[in-house]
């Protein structure tokens, strides 16, 4: 996001999540305040993500969406899959998502942001 106020809000969210390790009402309010900047900058995927985030937290009182994981590696000789990844949710997952949003112009980040959207929509069903 380009807007200086939006960037400052993102930094405040990151700082709050890093220091508190929990999702506070302040974080939810800042996410709500960030959404109009995404709309203004014509970032529909980010705007949708921010809306889904605060709706998800309001509904569930926690951010239950895990960080998207890469596929487990498969051993070429044995064909066995590697160990499963640790599922990370809560403030760590939200912090990861906010950092993706911070650099949402990156194509790889946009893919992961869309994955978060799919997971939040599926969770809501």
N, C-alpha and C. Protein backbone atom coordinates (compact mmCIF):
# COMPACT_ATOMS: atom_id res chain seq x y z
N UNK A 1 0.84 -1.17 0.00
CA UNK A 1 0.00 0.00 0.00
C UNK A 1 0.89 1.24 0.00
N UNK A 2 0.46 2.23 -0.73
CA UNK A 2 1.27 3.41 -0.98
C UNK A 2 1.00 4.57 -0.01
N UNK A 3 -0.25 4.73 0.41
CA UNK A 3 -0.64 5.86 1.24
C UNK A 3 0.14 5.85 2.56
N UNK A 4 0.67 7.03 2.93
CA UNK A 4 1.48 7.11 4.16
C UNK A 4 0.67 6.79 5.41
N UNK A 5 -0.60 7.21 5.44
CA UNK A 5 -1.45 6.90 6.59
C UNK A 5 -1.71 5.40 6.67
N UNK A 6 -1.91 4.76 5.51
CA UNK A 6 -2.12 3.31 5.47
C UNK A 6 -0.87 2.59 5.95
N UNK A 7 0.28 3.04 5.49
CA UNK A 7 1.55 2.43 5.90
C UNK A 7 1.75 2.56 7.41
N UNK A 8 1.41 3.72 7.94
CA UNK A 8 1.53 3.95 9.38
C UNK A 8 0.58 3.03 10.16
N UNK A 9 -0.63 2.86 9.65
CA UNK A 9 -1.60 1.96 10.28
C UNK A 9 -1.09 0.52 10.27
N UNK A 10 -0.54 0.10 9.13
CA UNK A 10 0.01 -1.25 9.04
C UNK A 10 1.11 -1.44 10.06
N UNK A 11 2.00 -0.46 10.17
CA UNK A 11 3.09 -0.54 11.15
C UNK A 11 2.54 -0.63 12.58
N UNK A 12 1.48 0.10 12.87
CA UNK A 12 0.86 0.05 14.19
C UNK A 12 0.27 -1.33 14.47
N UNK A 13 -0.38 -1.91 13.46
CA UNK A 13 -0.95 -3.25 13.62
C UNK A 13 0.17 -4.26 13.88
N UNK A 14 1.22 -4.19 13.09
CA UNK A 14 2.36 -5.11 13.24
C UNK A 14 2.96 -4.97 14.63
N UNK A 15 3.19 -3.75 15.06
CA UNK A 15 3.79 -3.49 16.37
C UNK A 15 2.91 -4.05 17.49
N UNK A 16 1.60 -3.82 17.38
CA UNK A 16 0.66 -4.30 18.40
C UNK A 16 0.66 -5.83 18.45
N UNK A 17 0.62 -6.48 17.29
CA UNK A 17 0.60 -7.94 17.25
C UNK A 17 1.91 -8.53 17.77
N UNK A 18 3.02 -7.90 17.42
CA UNK A 18 4.33 -8.41 17.87
C UNK A 18 4.50 -8.24 19.38
N UNK A 19 4.02 -7.14 19.92
CA UNK A 19 4.25 -6.89 21.35
C UNK A 19 3.24 -7.61 22.24
N UNK A 20 2.00 -7.73 21.79
CA UNK A 20 0.97 -8.33 22.64
C UNK A 20 0.77 -9.82 22.43
N UNK A 21 1.12 -10.32 21.24
CA UNK A 21 0.91 -11.72 20.88
C UNK A 21 -0.55 -12.16 20.97
N UNK A 22 -1.46 -11.18 21.06
CA UNK A 22 -2.89 -11.46 21.00
C UNK A 22 -3.55 -10.41 20.11
N UNK A 23 -4.73 -10.74 19.64
CA UNK A 23 -5.45 -9.82 18.77
C UNK A 23 -6.39 -9.00 19.66
N UNK A 24 -6.07 -7.74 19.79
CA UNK A 24 -6.85 -6.85 20.65
C UNK A 24 -7.94 -6.16 19.84
N UNK A 25 -8.87 -5.53 20.56
CA UNK A 25 -9.91 -4.74 19.89
C UNK A 25 -9.28 -3.60 19.09
N UNK A 26 -8.15 -3.08 19.57
CA UNK A 26 -7.45 -2.02 18.85
C UNK A 26 -6.98 -2.50 17.47
N UNK A 27 -6.49 -3.72 17.41
CA UNK A 27 -6.04 -4.28 16.14
C UNK A 27 -7.22 -4.39 15.17
N UNK A 28 -8.34 -4.90 15.66
CA UNK A 28 -9.52 -5.04 14.82
C UNK A 28 -9.97 -3.68 14.31
N UNK A 29 -9.95 -2.70 15.16
CA UNK A 29 -10.34 -1.34 14.76
C UNK A 29 -9.38 -0.78 13.71
N UNK A 30 -8.09 -1.02 13.88
CA UNK A 30 -7.11 -0.53 12.90
C UNK A 30 -7.30 -1.23 11.54
N UNK A 31 -7.64 -2.52 11.56
CA UNK A 31 -7.90 -3.25 10.32
C UNK A 31 -9.10 -2.62 9.61
N UNK A 32 -10.13 -2.27 10.38
CA UNK A 32 -11.31 -1.60 9.80
C UNK A 32 -10.91 -0.26 9.19
N UNK A 33 -10.06 0.49 9.87
CA UNK A 33 -9.62 1.80 9.37
C UNK A 33 -8.74 1.68 8.13
N UNK A 34 -8.06 0.55 7.98
CA UNK A 34 -7.16 0.34 6.86
C UNK A 34 -7.92 0.05 5.56
N UNK A 35 -9.08 -0.56 5.66
CA UNK A 35 -9.82 -1.00 4.47
C UNK A 35 -10.12 0.14 3.49
N UNK A 36 -10.59 1.33 3.93
CA UNK A 36 -10.86 2.40 2.95
C UNK A 36 -9.63 2.81 2.13
N UNK A 37 -8.45 2.68 2.70
CA UNK A 37 -7.23 2.99 1.95
C UNK A 37 -7.04 1.99 0.82
N UNK A 38 -7.34 0.73 1.07
CA UNK A 38 -7.24 -0.29 0.03
C UNK A 38 -8.24 -0.02 -1.09
N UNK A 39 -9.44 0.40 -0.71
CA UNK A 39 -10.46 0.74 -1.71
C UNK A 39 -9.99 1.94 -2.53
N UNK A 40 -9.47 2.94 -1.83
CA UNK A 40 -8.99 4.16 -2.49
C UNK A 40 -7.85 3.87 -3.47
N UNK A 41 -7.00 2.92 -3.13
CA UNK A 41 -5.86 2.57 -3.98
C UNK A 41 -6.21 1.51 -5.03
N UNK A 42 -7.50 1.20 -5.15
CA UNK A 42 -7.98 0.19 -6.11
C UNK A 42 -7.30 -1.16 -5.91
N UNK A 43 -7.33 -1.62 -4.67
CA UNK A 43 -6.78 -2.93 -4.32
C UNK A 43 -7.93 -3.81 -3.81
N UNK A 44 -8.78 -4.31 -4.73
CA UNK A 44 -9.97 -5.04 -4.30
C UNK A 44 -9.69 -6.31 -3.51
N UNK A 45 -8.62 -7.02 -3.84
CA UNK A 45 -8.30 -8.24 -3.11
C UNK A 45 -7.95 -7.91 -1.66
N UNK A 46 -7.17 -6.85 -1.47
CA UNK A 46 -6.77 -6.42 -0.13
C UNK A 46 -7.99 -5.90 0.64
N UNK A 47 -8.83 -5.11 -0.01
CA UNK A 47 -10.03 -4.59 0.64
C UNK A 47 -10.92 -5.73 1.12
N UNK A 48 -11.08 -6.74 0.28
CA UNK A 48 -11.90 -7.90 0.65
C UNK A 48 -11.26 -8.64 1.83
N UNK A 49 -9.95 -8.80 1.77
CA UNK A 49 -9.24 -9.50 2.84
C UNK A 49 -9.44 -8.80 4.17
N UNK A 50 -9.28 -7.49 4.18
CA UNK A 50 -9.42 -6.74 5.43
C UNK A 50 -10.83 -6.87 5.99
N UNK A 51 -11.84 -6.82 5.10
CA UNK A 51 -13.22 -6.99 5.55
C UNK A 51 -13.42 -8.39 6.13
N UNK A 52 -12.92 -9.40 5.43
CA UNK A 52 -13.06 -10.77 5.92
C UNK A 52 -12.35 -10.97 7.25
N UNK A 53 -11.20 -10.31 7.42
CA UNK A 53 -10.44 -10.44 8.67
C UNK A 53 -11.26 -9.93 9.84
N UNK A 54 -11.77 -8.69 9.75
CA UNK A 54 -12.48 -8.19 10.93
C UNK A 54 -13.81 -8.88 11.14
N UNK A 55 -14.46 -9.33 10.08
CA UNK A 55 -15.70 -10.11 10.24
C UNK A 55 -15.39 -11.46 10.90
N UNK A 56 -14.30 -12.09 10.47
CA UNK A 56 -13.90 -13.39 11.03
C UNK A 56 -13.58 -13.27 12.52
N UNK A 57 -12.82 -12.25 12.89
CA UNK A 57 -12.46 -12.07 14.29
C UNK A 57 -13.70 -11.74 15.12
N UNK A 58 -14.58 -10.89 14.59
CA UNK A 58 -15.81 -10.54 15.31
C UNK A 58 -16.67 -11.79 15.56
N UNK A 59 -16.77 -12.63 14.55
CA UNK A 59 -17.60 -13.83 14.63
C UNK A 59 -17.00 -14.90 15.54
N UNK A 60 -15.68 -15.07 15.48
CA UNK A 60 -15.02 -16.18 16.17
C UNK A 60 -14.20 -15.80 17.39
N UNK A 61 -14.02 -14.51 17.60
CA UNK A 61 -13.23 -13.97 18.72
C UNK A 61 -11.77 -14.38 18.67
N UNK A 62 -11.33 -14.89 17.53
CA UNK A 62 -9.95 -15.30 17.33
C UNK A 62 -9.71 -15.37 15.83
N UNK A 63 -8.45 -15.30 15.41
CA UNK A 63 -8.13 -15.47 14.00
C UNK A 63 -7.71 -16.92 13.81
N UNK A 64 -8.64 -17.74 13.34
CA UNK A 64 -8.44 -19.19 13.29
C UNK A 64 -7.91 -19.69 11.95
N UNK A 65 -7.54 -18.79 11.06
CA UNK A 65 -7.07 -19.17 9.74
C UNK A 65 -5.55 -19.40 9.79
N UNK A 66 -5.11 -20.59 9.38
CA UNK A 66 -3.67 -20.87 9.43
C UNK A 66 -2.90 -20.21 8.29
N UNK A 67 -1.62 -20.03 8.50
CA UNK A 67 -0.74 -19.54 7.45
C UNK A 67 -0.73 -20.57 6.33
N UNK A 68 -0.93 -20.13 5.08
CA UNK A 68 -0.88 -21.09 3.96
C UNK A 68 0.48 -21.79 3.93
N UNK A 69 0.44 -23.09 3.72
CA UNK A 69 1.68 -23.87 3.71
C UNK A 69 2.00 -24.36 2.31
N UNK A 70 3.28 -24.49 2.05
CA UNK A 70 3.72 -25.12 0.81
C UNK A 70 3.39 -26.61 0.91
N UNK A 71 3.33 -27.27 -0.22
CA UNK A 71 3.10 -28.71 -0.23
C UNK A 71 4.28 -29.41 0.43
N UNK A 72 4.02 -30.49 1.18
CA UNK A 72 5.14 -31.24 1.76
C UNK A 72 6.04 -31.79 0.66
N UNK A 73 7.32 -31.80 0.92
CA UNK A 73 8.28 -32.33 -0.04
C UNK A 73 8.15 -33.85 -0.12
N UNK A 74 8.29 -34.38 -1.33
CA UNK A 74 8.22 -35.82 -1.54
C UNK A 74 9.62 -36.33 -1.86
N UNK A 75 10.03 -37.38 -1.15
CA UNK A 75 11.33 -38.01 -1.41
C UNK A 75 11.24 -38.71 -2.76
N UNK A 76 12.12 -38.34 -3.69
CA UNK A 76 12.06 -38.89 -5.04
C UNK A 76 12.37 -40.39 -5.08
N UNK A 77 13.21 -40.87 -4.18
CA UNK A 77 13.58 -42.29 -4.18
C UNK A 77 12.48 -43.17 -3.59
N UNK A 78 11.91 -42.74 -2.45
CA UNK A 78 10.92 -43.58 -1.77
C UNK A 78 9.49 -43.19 -2.11
N UNK A 79 9.28 -41.96 -2.57
CA UNK A 79 7.92 -41.49 -2.86
C UNK A 79 7.16 -41.07 -1.62
N UNK A 80 7.83 -41.10 -0.46
CA UNK A 80 7.17 -40.72 0.79
C UNK A 80 7.20 -39.21 0.97
N UNK A 81 6.09 -38.71 1.54
CA UNK A 81 6.02 -37.27 1.83
C UNK A 81 6.79 -36.96 3.09
N UNK A 82 7.35 -35.74 3.12
CA UNK A 82 8.08 -35.28 4.30
C UNK A 82 7.14 -35.01 5.46
N UNK A 83 7.70 -34.56 6.54
CA UNK A 83 6.90 -34.28 7.73
C UNK A 83 5.88 -33.19 7.47
N UNK A 84 4.76 -33.29 8.16
CA UNK A 84 3.72 -32.27 8.04
C UNK A 84 4.21 -30.98 8.69
N UNK A 85 3.74 -29.89 8.18
CA UNK A 85 4.11 -28.59 8.73
C UNK A 85 3.28 -28.27 9.96
N UNK A 86 3.85 -27.48 10.83
CA UNK A 86 3.12 -27.01 12.00
C UNK A 86 2.06 -26.01 11.53
N UNK A 87 0.86 -26.14 12.05
CA UNK A 87 -0.22 -25.22 11.69
C UNK A 87 -0.14 -24.02 12.62
N UNK A 88 -0.02 -22.84 12.03
CA UNK A 88 0.13 -21.61 12.80
C UNK A 88 -1.10 -20.73 12.57
N UNK A 89 -1.80 -20.41 13.66
CA UNK A 89 -2.99 -19.57 13.59
C UNK A 89 -2.83 -18.40 14.56
N UNK A 90 -3.92 -17.72 14.84
CA UNK A 90 -3.93 -16.65 15.84
C UNK A 90 -3.16 -15.43 15.39
N UNK A 91 -2.55 -14.75 16.36
CA UNK A 91 -1.88 -13.49 16.07
C UNK A 91 -0.70 -13.68 15.13
N UNK A 92 -0.02 -14.84 15.18
CA UNK A 92 1.10 -15.08 14.27
C UNK A 92 0.64 -15.14 12.81
N UNK A 93 -0.49 -15.81 12.59
CA UNK A 93 -1.03 -15.90 11.24
C UNK A 93 -1.52 -14.54 10.75
N UNK A 94 -2.19 -13.80 11.62
CA UNK A 94 -2.66 -12.46 11.25
C UNK A 94 -1.47 -11.54 10.97
N UNK A 95 -0.43 -11.63 11.76
CA UNK A 95 0.77 -10.84 11.54
C UNK A 95 1.38 -11.16 10.17
N UNK A 96 1.43 -12.42 9.83
CA UNK A 96 1.94 -12.85 8.53
C UNK A 96 1.09 -12.24 7.41
N UNK A 97 -0.23 -12.31 7.56
CA UNK A 97 -1.14 -11.76 6.55
C UNK A 97 -0.97 -10.25 6.40
N UNK A 98 -0.86 -9.53 7.50
CA UNK A 98 -0.68 -8.07 7.44
C UNK A 98 0.62 -7.73 6.72
N UNK A 99 1.67 -8.51 6.95
CA UNK A 99 2.93 -8.28 6.25
C UNK A 99 2.81 -8.57 4.76
N UNK A 100 1.98 -9.54 4.39
CA UNK A 100 1.70 -9.78 2.97
C UNK A 100 1.00 -8.57 2.36
N UNK A 101 0.03 -8.04 3.09
CA UNK A 101 -0.74 -6.88 2.62
C UNK A 101 0.17 -5.67 2.45
N UNK A 102 1.12 -5.54 3.35
CA UNK A 102 2.07 -4.42 3.29
C UNK A 102 2.76 -4.35 1.93
N UNK A 103 3.05 -5.49 1.34
CA UNK A 103 3.71 -5.58 0.03
C UNK A 103 2.79 -6.34 -0.94
N UNK A 104 1.54 -5.92 -1.00
CA UNK A 104 0.54 -6.65 -1.79
C UNK A 104 0.77 -6.56 -3.30
N UNK A 105 1.64 -5.66 -3.74
CA UNK A 105 1.93 -5.58 -5.17
C UNK A 105 2.80 -6.75 -5.64
N UNK A 106 3.43 -7.46 -4.72
CA UNK A 106 4.24 -8.63 -5.04
C UNK A 106 3.30 -9.77 -5.46
N UNK A 107 3.50 -10.33 -6.66
CA UNK A 107 2.60 -11.38 -7.15
C UNK A 107 2.50 -12.60 -6.23
N UNK A 108 3.61 -13.00 -5.61
CA UNK A 108 3.58 -14.14 -4.69
C UNK A 108 2.73 -13.82 -3.46
N UNK A 109 2.84 -12.59 -2.97
CA UNK A 109 2.04 -12.17 -1.82
C UNK A 109 0.56 -12.17 -2.18
N UNK A 110 0.24 -11.68 -3.37
CA UNK A 110 -1.16 -11.62 -3.81
C UNK A 110 -1.76 -13.02 -3.86
N UNK A 111 -0.98 -14.01 -4.28
CA UNK A 111 -1.47 -15.40 -4.32
C UNK A 111 -1.80 -15.87 -2.90
N UNK A 112 -0.92 -15.58 -1.95
CA UNK A 112 -1.17 -16.01 -0.57
C UNK A 112 -2.34 -15.25 0.05
N UNK A 113 -2.49 -13.98 -0.28
CA UNK A 113 -3.62 -13.20 0.21
C UNK A 113 -4.93 -13.82 -0.28
N UNK A 114 -4.95 -14.21 -1.56
CA UNK A 114 -6.15 -14.87 -2.12
C UNK A 114 -6.42 -16.20 -1.41
N UNK A 115 -5.36 -16.91 -1.05
CA UNK A 115 -5.52 -18.17 -0.33
C UNK A 115 -6.15 -17.92 1.04
N UNK A 116 -5.71 -16.88 1.72
CA UNK A 116 -6.34 -16.50 2.99
C UNK A 116 -7.83 -16.21 2.76
N UNK A 117 -8.15 -15.48 1.70
CA UNK A 117 -9.55 -15.18 1.41
C UNK A 117 -10.36 -16.45 1.24
N UNK A 118 -9.84 -17.41 0.46
CA UNK A 118 -10.55 -18.68 0.26
C UNK A 118 -10.77 -19.40 1.59
N UNK A 119 -9.74 -19.40 2.42
CA UNK A 119 -9.86 -20.10 3.71
C UNK A 119 -10.86 -19.42 4.64
N UNK A 120 -10.86 -18.08 4.64
CA UNK A 120 -11.82 -17.36 5.50
C UNK A 120 -13.25 -17.57 5.01
N UNK A 121 -13.45 -17.56 3.69
CA UNK A 121 -14.80 -17.80 3.14
C UNK A 121 -15.26 -19.22 3.44
N UNK A 122 -14.37 -20.19 3.31
CA UNK A 122 -14.72 -21.59 3.60
C UNK A 122 -15.01 -21.77 5.09
N UNK A 123 -14.26 -21.11 5.93
CA UNK A 123 -14.46 -21.19 7.38
C UNK A 123 -15.82 -20.64 7.78
N UNK A 124 -16.26 -19.60 7.07
CA UNK A 124 -17.54 -18.95 7.38
C UNK A 124 -18.75 -19.82 7.01
N UNK A 125 -18.54 -20.77 6.10
CA UNK A 125 -19.67 -21.61 5.65
C UNK A 125 -20.07 -22.63 6.63
